[in-house]
Amino acid sequence: MDGTIRADIYPGCEVVIVTKLDQQGGPLTPGIVQDILTSSAEHHRGIKVRLTTGEVGRVQQIIK
């Protein structure tokens, strides 16, 4: 799953995000979702989340 639909993401879900600083082809960051920050049901660039480590970024991939 690509992380553009909010209903697919929940706290405790394992995901891979791209942070704002790394959007220009930088490394992806794996982690576990703490909070979902995007309020809309869908976002074409990825749902914005906060990981348990405190990092904030858009979900690029959901790991099941």
Protein backbone atom coordinates (compact mmCIF):
# COMPACT_ATOMS: atom_id res chain seq x y z
CA MET A 1 0.00 0.00 0.00
CA ASP A 2 1.26 3.44 -0.83
CA GLY A 3 0.03 5.49 2.16
CA THR A 4 -2.32 7.91 0.39
CA ILE A 5 -5.52 6.70 2.14
CA ARG A 6 -5.95 7.67 5.80
CA ALA A 7 -8.13 4.64 6.66
CA ASP A 8 -5.18 2.31 5.91
CA ILE A 9 -2.99 3.97 8.57
CA TYR A 10 -3.44 3.71 12.34
CA PRO A 11 -1.34 4.29 15.48
CA GLY A 12 1.04 1.35 15.92
CA CYS A 13 1.18 0.70 12.16
CA GLU A 14 4.67 0.13 10.71
CA VAL A 15 5.39 2.52 7.83
CA VAL A 16 8.14 4.13 5.77
CA ILE A 17 8.06 7.93 5.57
CA VAL A 18 9.88 10.70 3.76
CA THR A 19 10.63 13.75 5.92
CA LYS A 20 10.37 17.33 4.64
CA LEU A 21 14.17 17.68 4.48
CA ASP A 22 14.54 14.45 2.49
CA GLN A 23 11.83 15.11 -0.12
CA GLN A 24 14.36 15.82 -2.86
CA GLY A 25 15.45 12.19 -3.23
CA GLY A 26 16.82 11.69 0.26
CA PRO A 27 16.59 8.55 2.37
CA LEU A 28 13.32 7.04 3.55
CA THR A 29 12.73 6.57 7.29
CA PRO A 30 11.04 3.44 8.69
CA GLY A 31 9.10 3.62 11.94
CA ILE A 32 5.88 3.11 13.89
CA VAL A 33 3.02 5.62 13.69
CA GLN A 34 2.26 7.54 16.89
CA ASP A 35 -0.13 10.20 15.51
CA ILE A 36 -1.89 10.85 12.20
CA LEU A 37 -1.57 14.54 11.32
CA THR A 38 -3.52 14.70 8.04
CA SER A 39 -7.25 15.21 8.64
CA SER A 40 -8.48 14.52 5.09
CA ALA A 41 -9.42 10.99 4.02
CA GLU A 42 -6.93 11.00 1.13
CA HIS A 43 -3.79 12.89 0.16
CA HIS A 44 -2.03 12.40 -3.17
CA ARG A 45 1.50 12.88 -1.74
CA GLY A 46 0.92 10.65 1.31
CA ILE A 47 -0.73 10.97 4.71
CA LYS A 48 1.36 13.01 7.16
CA VAL A 49 2.20 11.18 10.40
CA ARG A 50 4.37 11.50 13.51
CA LEU A 51 6.46 8.44 14.34
CA THR A 52 7.17 7.20 17.88
CA THR A 53 10.67 8.67 17.44
CA GLY A 54 9.15 12.14 16.95
CA GLU A 55 9.94 12.40 13.24
CA VAL A 56 7.22 13.84 11.00
CA GLY A 57 6.75 12.97 7.35
CA ARG A 58 4.48 11.65 4.64
CA VAL A 59 3.85 7.91 4.37
CA GLN A 60 5.43 6.39 1.28
CA GLN A 61 4.75 2.75 2.11
CA ILE A 62 2.80 0.74 4.67
CA ILE A 63 4.57 -2.35 5.98
CA LYS A 64 2.24 -5.12 7.17
